[in-house]
PDB file of N, CA and C in Angstrom:
ATOM      1  N   MET A   1       5.077  13.370 -12.181  1.00  0.00           N
ATOM      2  CA  MET A   1       5.148  12.564 -10.978  1.00  0.00           C
ATOM      3  C   MET A   1       3.825  12.679 -10.213  1.00  0.00           C
ATOM      4  N   THR A   2       3.327  11.565  -9.728  1.00  0.00           N
ATOM      5  CA  THR A   2       2.056  11.532  -9.006  1.00  0.00           C
ATOM      6  C   THR A   2       2.249  12.026  -7.581  1.00  0.00           C
ATOM      7  N   ASN A   3       1.376  12.874  -7.156  1.00  0.00           N
ATOM      8  CA  ASN A   3       1.387  13.390  -5.803  1.00  0.00           C
ATOM      9  C   ASN A   3       1.042  12.251  -4.840  1.00  0.00           C
ATOM     10  N   PRO A   4       1.928  11.963  -3.851  1.00  0.00           N
ATOM     11  CA  PRO A   4       1.646  10.855  -2.909  1.00  0.00           C
ATOM     12  C   PRO A   4       0.359  11.070  -2.127  1.00  0.00           C
ATOM     13  N   TYR A   5       0.043  12.323  -1.813  1.00  0.00           N
ATOM     14  CA  TYR A   5      -1.197  12.609  -1.091  1.00  0.00           C
ATOM     15  C   TYR A   5      -2.397  12.199  -1.931  1.00  0.00           C
ATOM     16  N   THR A   6      -2.352  12.540  -3.209  1.00  0.00           N
ATOM     17  CA  THR A   6      -3.449  12.191  -4.108  1.00  0.00           C
ATOM     18  C   THR A   6      -3.587  10.685  -4.222  1.00  0.00           C
ATOM     19  N   ARG A   7      -2.466   9.991  -4.381  1.00  0.00           N
ATOM     20  CA  ARG A   7      -2.504   8.534  -4.509  1.00  0.00           C
ATOM     21  C   ARG A   7      -3.078   7.903  -3.246  1.00  0.00           C
ATOM     22  N   ASN A   8      -2.619   8.352  -2.087  1.00  0.00           N
ATOM     23  CA  ASN A   8      -3.099   7.818  -0.813  1.00  0.00           C
ATOM     24  C   ASN A   8      -4.586   8.116  -0.633  1.00  0.00           C
ATOM     25  N   SER A   9      -4.990   9.332  -0.973  1.00  0.00           N
ATOM     26  CA  SER A   9      -6.405   9.698  -0.876  1.00  0.00           C
ATOM     27  C   SER A   9      -7.251   8.833  -1.793  1.00  0.00           C
ATOM     28  N   ASN A  10      -6.766   8.624  -3.007  1.00  0.00           N
ATOM     29  CA  ASN A  10      -7.492   7.785  -3.961  1.00  0.00           C
ATOM     30  C   ASN A  10      -7.648   6.370  -3.435  1.00  0.00           C
ATOM     31  N   GLU A  11      -6.570   5.807  -2.904  1.00  0.00           N
ATOM     32  CA  GLU A  11      -6.626   4.432  -2.406  1.00  0.00           C
ATOM     33  C   GLU A  11      -7.631   4.304  -1.271  1.00  0.00           C
ATOM     34  N   LYS A  12      -7.604   5.252  -0.346  1.00  0.00           N
ATOM     35  CA  LYS A  12      -8.543   5.214   0.777  1.00  0.00           C
ATOM     36  C   LYS A  12      -9.981   5.396   0.297  1.00  0.00           C
ATOM     37  N   LEU A  13     -10.176   6.354  -0.597  1.00  0.00           N
ATOM     38  CA  LEU A  13     -11.524   6.587  -1.116  1.00  0.00           C
ATOM     39  C   LEU A  13     -12.029   5.395  -1.912  1.00  0.00           C
ATOM     40  N   LEU A  14     -11.166   4.803  -2.723  1.00  0.00           N
ATOM     41  CA  LEU A  14     -11.588   3.631  -3.497  1.00  0.00           C
ATOM     42  C   LEU A  14     -11.984   2.477  -2.588  1.00  0.00           C
ATOM     43  N   GLU A  15     -11.256   2.292  -1.501  1.00  0.00           N
ATOM     44  CA  GLU A  15     -11.607   1.232  -0.554  1.00  0.00           C
ATOM     45  C   GLU A  15     -12.953   1.537   0.101  1.00  0.00           C
ATOM     46  N   ARG A  16     -13.163   2.782   0.497  1.00  0.00           N
ATOM     47  CA  ARG A  16     -14.448   3.162   1.102  1.00  0.00           C
ATOM     48  C   ARG A  16     -15.588   3.017   0.103  1.00  0.00           C
ATOM     49  N   ILE A  17     -15.331   3.372  -1.160  1.00  0.00           N
ATOM     50  CA  ILE A  17     -16.348   3.231  -2.205  1.00  0.00           C
ATOM     51  C   ILE A  17     -16.688   1.761  -2.405  1.00  0.00           C
ATOM     52  N   LYS A  18     -15.676   0.927  -2.451  1.00  0.00           N
ATOM     53  CA  LYS A  18     -15.896  -0.512  -2.639  1.00  0.00           C
ATOM     54  C   LYS A  18     -16.750  -1.080  -1.499  1.00  0.00           C
ATOM     55  N   GLU A  19     -16.419  -0.696  -0.267  1.00  0.00           N
ATOM     56  CA  GLU A  19     -17.176  -1.171   0.894  1.00  0.00           C
ATOM     57  C   GLU A  19     -18.621  -0.653   0.868  1.00  0.00           C
ATOM     58  N   LYS A  20     -18.784   0.624   0.557  1.00  0.00           N
ATOM     59  CA  LYS A  20     -20.126   1.219   0.534  1.00  0.00           C
ATOM     60  C   LYS A  20     -20.965   0.605  -0.573  1.00  0.00           C
ATOM     61  N   ARG A  21     -20.315   0.309  -1.681  1.00  0.00           N
ATOM     62  CA  ARG A  21     -21.015  -0.302  -2.810  1.00  0.00           C
ATOM     63  C   ARG A  21     -21.533  -1.697  -2.449  1.00  0.00           C
ATOM     64  N   SER A  22     -20.698  -2.464  -1.771  1.00  0.00           N
ATOM     65  CA  SER A  22     -21.125  -3.792  -1.308  1.00  0.00           C
ATOM     66  C   SER A  22     -22.281  -3.673  -0.327  1.00  0.00           C
ATOM     67  N   GLU A  23     -22.169  -2.714   0.575  1.00  0.00           N
ATOM     68  CA  GLU A  23     -23.247  -2.482   1.539  1.00  0.00           C
ATOM     69  C   GLU A  23     -24.546  -2.134   0.816  1.00  0.00           C
ATOM     70  N   LEU A  24     -24.457  -1.270  -0.181  1.00  0.00           N
ATOM     71  CA  LEU A  24     -25.635  -0.864  -0.941  1.00  0.00           C
ATOM     72  C   LEU A  24     -26.271  -2.050  -1.655  1.00  0.00           C
ATOM     73  N   ILE A  25     -25.461  -2.870  -2.281  1.00  0.00           N
ATOM     74  CA  ILE A  25     -25.974  -4.044  -2.996  1.00  0.00           C
ATOM     75  C   ILE A  25     -26.690  -4.985  -2.030  1.00  0.00           C
ATOM     76  N   ASN A  26     -26.086  -5.220  -0.865  1.00  0.00           N
ATOM     77  CA  ASN A  26     -26.702  -6.103   0.132  1.00  0.00           C
ATOM     78  C   ASN A  26     -28.004  -5.519   0.676  1.00  0.00           C
ATOM     79  N   LEU A  27     -27.990  -4.230   0.985  1.00  0.00           N
ATOM     80  CA  LEU A  27     -29.216  -3.596   1.479  1.00  0.00           C
ATOM     81  C   LEU A  27     -30.333  -3.670   0.446  1.00  0.00           C
ATOM     82  N   ALA A  28     -30.006  -3.362  -0.794  1.00  0.00           N
ATOM     83  CA  ALA A  28     -31.019  -3.381  -1.854  1.00  0.00           C
ATOM     84  C   ALA A  28     -31.585  -4.783  -2.047  1.00  0.00           C
ATOM     85  N   ALA A  29     -30.734  -5.790  -1.944  1.00  0.00           N
ATOM     86  CA  ALA A  29     -31.184  -7.171  -2.122  1.00  0.00           C
ATOM     87  C   ALA A  29     -32.133  -7.600  -1.007  1.00  0.00           C
ATOM     88  N   HIS A  30     -31.903  -7.097   0.202  1.00  0.00           N
ATOM     89  CA  HIS A  30     -32.708  -7.526   1.344  1.00  0.00           C
ATOM     90  C   HIS A  30     -33.875  -6.595   1.675  1.00  0.00           C
ATOM     91  N   GLN A  31     -33.752  -5.316   1.332  1.00  0.00           N
ATOM     92  CA  GLN A  31     -34.774  -4.354   1.742  1.00  0.00           C
ATOM     93  C   GLN A  31     -35.531  -3.725   0.580  1.00  0.00           C
ATOM     94  N   GLY A  32     -35.065  -3.933  -0.626  1.00  0.00           N
ATOM     95  CA  GLY A  32     -35.715  -3.320  -1.784  1.00  0.00           C
ATOM     96  C   GLY A  32     -35.119  -1.958  -2.102  1.00  0.00           C
ATOM     97  N   LEU A  33     -35.288  -1.552  -3.346  1.00  0.00           N
ATOM     98  CA  LEU A  33     -34.651  -0.325  -3.823  1.00  0.00           C
ATOM     99  C   LEU A  33     -35.227   0.951  -3.227  1.00  0.00           C
ATOM    100  N   THR A  34     -36.441   0.897  -2.705  1.00  0.00           N
ATOM    101  CA  THR A  34     -37.068   2.112  -2.180  1.00  0.00           C
ATOM    102  C   THR A  34     -36.919   2.265  -0.668  1.00  0.00           C
ATOM    103  N   SER A  35     -36.210   1.354  -0.036  1.00  0.00           N
ATOM    104  CA  SER A  35     -35.979   1.436   1.405  1.00  0.00           C
ATOM    105  C   SER A  35     -35.204   2.710   1.748  1.00  0.00           C
ATOM    106  N   ASN A  36     -35.569   3.338   2.862  1.00  0.00           N
ATOM    107  CA  ASN A  36     -34.836   4.529   3.310  1.00  0.00           C
ATOM    108  C   ASN A  36     -33.361   4.226   3.536  1.00  0.00           C
ATOM    109  N   ASN A  37     -33.065   3.048   4.064  1.00  0.00           N
ATOM    110  CA  ASN A  37     -31.670   2.660   4.277  1.00  0.00           C
ATOM    111  C   ASN A  37     -30.910   2.579   2.961  1.00  0.00           C
ATOM    112  N   VAL A  38     -31.556   2.056   1.935  1.00  0.00           N
ATOM    113  CA  VAL A  38     -30.928   1.938   0.616  1.00  0.00           C
ATOM    114  C   VAL A  38     -30.696   3.325   0.022  1.00  0.00           C
ATOM    115  N   VAL A  39     -31.691   4.178   0.127  1.00  0.00           N
ATOM    116  CA  VAL A  39     -31.561   5.540  -0.409  1.00  0.00           C
ATOM    117  C   VAL A  39     -30.435   6.287   0.306  1.00  0.00           C
ATOM    118  N   ASN A  40     -30.381   6.182   1.628  1.00  0.00           N
ATOM    119  CA  ASN A  40     -29.317   6.847   2.392  1.00  0.00           C
ATOM    120  C   ASN A  40     -27.942   6.311   2.018  1.00  0.00           C
ATOM    121  N   CYS A  41     -27.828   5.008   1.898  1.00  0.00           N
ATOM    122  CA  CYS A  41     -26.560   4.389   1.528  1.00  0.00           C
ATOM    123  C   CYS A  41     -26.140   4.832   0.125  1.00  0.00           C
ATOM    124  N   SER A  42     -27.091   4.910  -0.776  1.00  0.00           N
ATOM    125  CA  SER A  42     -26.812   5.359  -2.140  1.00  0.00           C
ATOM    126  C   SER A  42     -26.299   6.798  -2.146  1.00  0.00           C
ATOM    127  N   GLN A  43     -26.890   7.631  -1.317  1.00  0.00           N
ATOM    128  CA  GLN A  43     -26.441   9.023  -1.224  1.00  0.00           C
ATOM    129  C   GLN A  43     -25.030   9.108  -0.643  1.00  0.00           C
ATOM    130  N   GLU A  44     -24.731   8.249   0.322  1.00  0.00           N
ATOM    131  CA  GLU A  44     -23.382   8.208   0.880  1.00  0.00           C
ATOM    132  C   GLU A  44     -22.374   7.768  -0.183  1.00  0.00           C
ATOM    133  N   LEU A  45     -22.752   6.786  -0.985  1.00  0.00           N
ATOM    134  CA  LEU A  45     -21.889   6.333  -2.076  1.00  0.00           C
ATOM    135  C   LEU A  45     -21.679   7.456  -3.086  1.00  0.00           C
ATOM    136  N   ASP A  46     -22.742   8.159  -3.429  1.00  0.00           N
ATOM    137  CA  ASP A  46     -22.624   9.305  -4.338  1.00  0.00           C
ATOM    138  C   ASP A  46     -21.621  10.324  -3.804  1.00  0.00           C
ATOM    139  N   SER A  47     -21.692  10.584  -2.517  1.00  0.00           N
ATOM    140  CA  SER A  47     -20.790  11.548  -1.892  1.00  0.00           C
ATOM    141  C   SER A  47     -19.330  11.092  -1.991  1.00  0.00           C
ATOM    142  N   LEU A  48     -19.091   9.814  -1.754  1.00  0.00           N
ATOM    143  CA  LEU A  48     -17.725   9.282  -1.868  1.00  0.00           C
ATOM    144  C   LEU A  48     -17.211   9.386  -3.301  1.00  0.00           C
ATOM    145  N   ILE A  49     -18.069   9.076  -4.251  1.00  0.00           N
ATOM    146  CA  ILE A  49     -17.676   9.173  -5.661  1.00  0.00           C
ATOM    147  C   ILE A  49     -17.372  10.626  -6.012  1.00  0.00           C
ATOM    148  N   TYR A  50     -18.174  11.544  -5.516  1.00  0.00           N
ATOM    149  CA  TYR A  50     -17.925  12.961  -5.761  1.00  0.00           C
ATOM    150  C   TYR A  50     -16.581  13.378  -5.161  1.00  0.00           C
ATOM    151  N   GLN A  51     -16.280  12.877  -3.971  1.00  0.00           N
ATOM    152  CA  GLN A  51     -15.006  13.203  -3.331  1.00  0.00           C
ATOM    153  C   GLN A  51     -13.823  12.756  -4.179  1.00  0.00           C
ATOM    154  N   ILE A  52     -13.899  11.561  -4.739  1.00  0.00           N
ATOM    155  CA  ILE A  52     -12.782  11.089  -5.556  1.00  0.00           C
ATOM    156  C   ILE A  52     -12.672  11.910  -6.838  1.00  0.00           C
ATOM    157  N   LEU A  53     -13.785  12.354  -7.357  1.00  0.00           N
ATOM    158  CA  LEU A  53     -13.737  13.234  -8.528  1.00  0.00           C
ATOM    159  C   LEU A  53     -13.035  14.546  -8.182  1.00  0.00           C
ATOM    160  N   LEU A  54     -13.290  15.074  -7.003  1.00  0.00           N
ATOM    161  CA  LEU A  54     -12.618  16.302  -6.577  1.00  0.00           C
ATOM    162  C   LEU A  54     -11.120  16.088  -6.405  1.00  0.00           C
ATOM    163  N   VAL A  55     -10.744  14.964  -5.806  1.00  0.00           N
ATOM    164  CA  VAL A  55      -9.325  14.660  -5.620  1.00  0.00           C
ATOM    165  C   VAL A  55      -8.623  14.584  -6.967  1.00  0.00           C
ATOM    166  N   ASN A  56      -9.318  14.084  -7.965  1.00  0.00           N
ATOM    167  CA  ASN A  56      -8.724  13.872  -9.287  1.00  0.00           C
ATOM    168  C   ASN A  56      -9.060  14.970 -10.289  1.00  0.00           C
ATOM    169  N   LYS A  57      -9.591  16.077  -9.835  1.00  0.00           N
ATOM    170  CA  LYS A  57     -10.106  17.085 -10.760  1.00  0.00           C
ATOM    171  C   LYS A  57      -9.059  17.610 -11.733  1.00  0.00           C
ATOM    172  N   ASN A  58      -7.801  17.528 -11.403  1.00  0.00           N
ATOM    173  CA  ASN A  58      -6.762  18.014 -12.307  1.00  0.00           C
ATOM    174  C   ASN A  58      -6.388  16.987 -13.366  1.00  0.00           C
ATOM    175  N   GLY A  59      -7.031  15.859 -13.345  1.00  0.00           N
ATOM    176  CA  GLY A  59      -6.819  14.848 -14.379  1.00  0.00           C
ATOM    177  C   GLY A  59      -5.527  14.069 -14.246  1.00  0.00           C
ATOM    178  N   ARG A  60      -4.866  14.138 -13.078  1.00  0.00           N
ATOM    179  CA  ARG A  60      -3.612  13.408 -12.920  1.00  0.00           C
ATOM    180  C   ARG A  60      -3.822  11.900 -12.901  1.00  0.00           C
ATOM    181  N   ARG A  61      -4.914  11.491 -12.297  1.00  0.00           N
ATOM    182  CA  ARG A  61      -5.214  10.056 -12.220  1.00  0.00           C
ATOM    183  C   ARG A  61      -6.697   9.875 -12.461  1.00  0.00           C
ATOM    184  N   ASN A  62      -7.040   8.823 -13.133  1.00  0.00           N
ATOM    185  CA  ASN A  62      -8.459   8.567 -13.374  1.00  0.00           C
ATOM    186  C   ASN A  62      -8.828   7.229 -12.756  1.00  0.00           C
ATOM    187  N   GLU A  63      -8.987   7.235 -11.441  1.00  0.00           N
ATOM    188  CA  GLU A  63      -9.312   6.014 -10.715  1.00  0.00           C
ATOM    189  C   GLU A  63     -10.736   5.537 -10.998  1.00  0.00           C
ATOM    190  N   MET A  64     -11.555   6.373 -11.600  1.00  0.00           N
ATOM    191  CA  MET A  64     -12.917   5.954 -11.892  1.00  0.00           C
ATOM    192  C   MET A  64     -12.942   4.754 -12.831  1.00  0.00           C
ATOM    193  N   LEU A  65     -11.898   4.583 -13.641  1.00  0.00           N
ATOM    194  CA  LEU A  65     -11.838   3.406 -14.500  1.00  0.00           C
ATOM    195  C   LEU A  65     -11.776   2.133 -13.666  1.00  0.00           C
ATOM    196  N   GLU A  66     -11.077   2.210 -12.522  1.00  0.00           N
ATOM    197  CA  GLU A  66     -11.012   1.048 -11.640  1.00  0.00           C
ATOM    198  C   GLU A  66     -12.400   0.677 -11.135  1.00  0.00           C
ATOM    199  N   LEU A  67     -13.207   1.683 -10.841  1.00  0.00           N
ATOM    200  CA  LEU A  67     -14.565   1.410 -10.362  1.00  0.00           C
ATOM    201  C   LEU A  67     -15.363   0.625 -11.393  1.00  0.00           C
ATOM    202  N   SER A  68     -15.177   0.968 -12.649  1.00  0.00           N
ATOM    203  CA  SER A  68     -15.952   0.294 -13.691  1.00  0.00           C
ATOM    204  C   SER A  68     -15.523  -1.152 -13.878  1.00  0.00           C
ATOM    205  N   LYS A  69     -14.330  -1.492 -13.378  1.00  0.00           N
ATOM    206  CA  LYS A  69     -13.821  -2.857 -13.527  1.00  0.00           C
ATOM    207  C   LYS A  69     -14.095  -3.704 -12.292  1.00  0.00           C
ATOM    208  N   MET A  70     -14.559  -3.093 -11.201  1.00  0.00           N
ATOM    209  CA  MET A  70     -14.655  -3.776  -9.912  1.00  0.00           C
ATOM    210  C   MET A  70     -15.448  -5.060  -9.948  1.00  0.00           C
ATOM    211  N   ASP A  71     -16.363  -5.431 -10.359  1.00  0.00           N
ATOM    212  CA  ASP A  71     -16.962  -6.752 -10.309  1.00  0.00           C
ATOM    213  C   ASP A  71     -17.864  -6.944 -11.494  1.00  0.00           C
ATOM    214  N   GLY A  72     -17.580  -6.214 -12.530  1.00  0.00           N
ATOM    215  CA  GLY A  72     -18.333  -6.397 -13.749  1.00  0.00           C
ATOM    216  C   GLY A  72     -19.694  -5.734 -13.754  1.00  0.00           C
ATOM    217  N   ILE A  73     -20.084  -5.079 -12.677  1.00  0.00           N
ATOM    218  CA  ILE A  73     -21.417  -4.484 -12.632  1.00  0.00           C
ATOM    219  C   ILE A  73     -21.525  -3.314 -13.604  1.00  0.00           C
ATOM    220  N   HIS A  74     -20.465  -2.541 -13.763  1.00  0.00           N
ATOM    221  CA  HIS A  74     -20.523  -1.364 -14.633  1.00  0.00           C
ATOM    222  C   HIS A  74     -19.895  -1.589 -15.991  1.00  0.00           C
ATOM    223  N   GLY A  75     -19.585  -2.755 -16.349  1.00  0.00           N
ATOM    224  CA  GLY A  75     -19.014  -2.877 -17.673  1.00  0.00           C
ATOM    225  C   GLY A  75     -18.487  -4.147 -18.002  1.00  0.00           C
TER     226      GLY A  75
END
């Protein structure tokens, strides 16, 4: 049985990751890949991804597959 806390945490983190990813794409398109804003946003996205990995460290759910399906960018 899936832990409701884990599921809720995953859903919230996935939504934040999706939003941060869109922000990163927009910043990179307008400011270039070497912009400080882009680098900071990328680091924030990395942190969110790391958080979801920690939430899922026991292997109960692998939400990272959803990330790879999000808009075709990763696969």
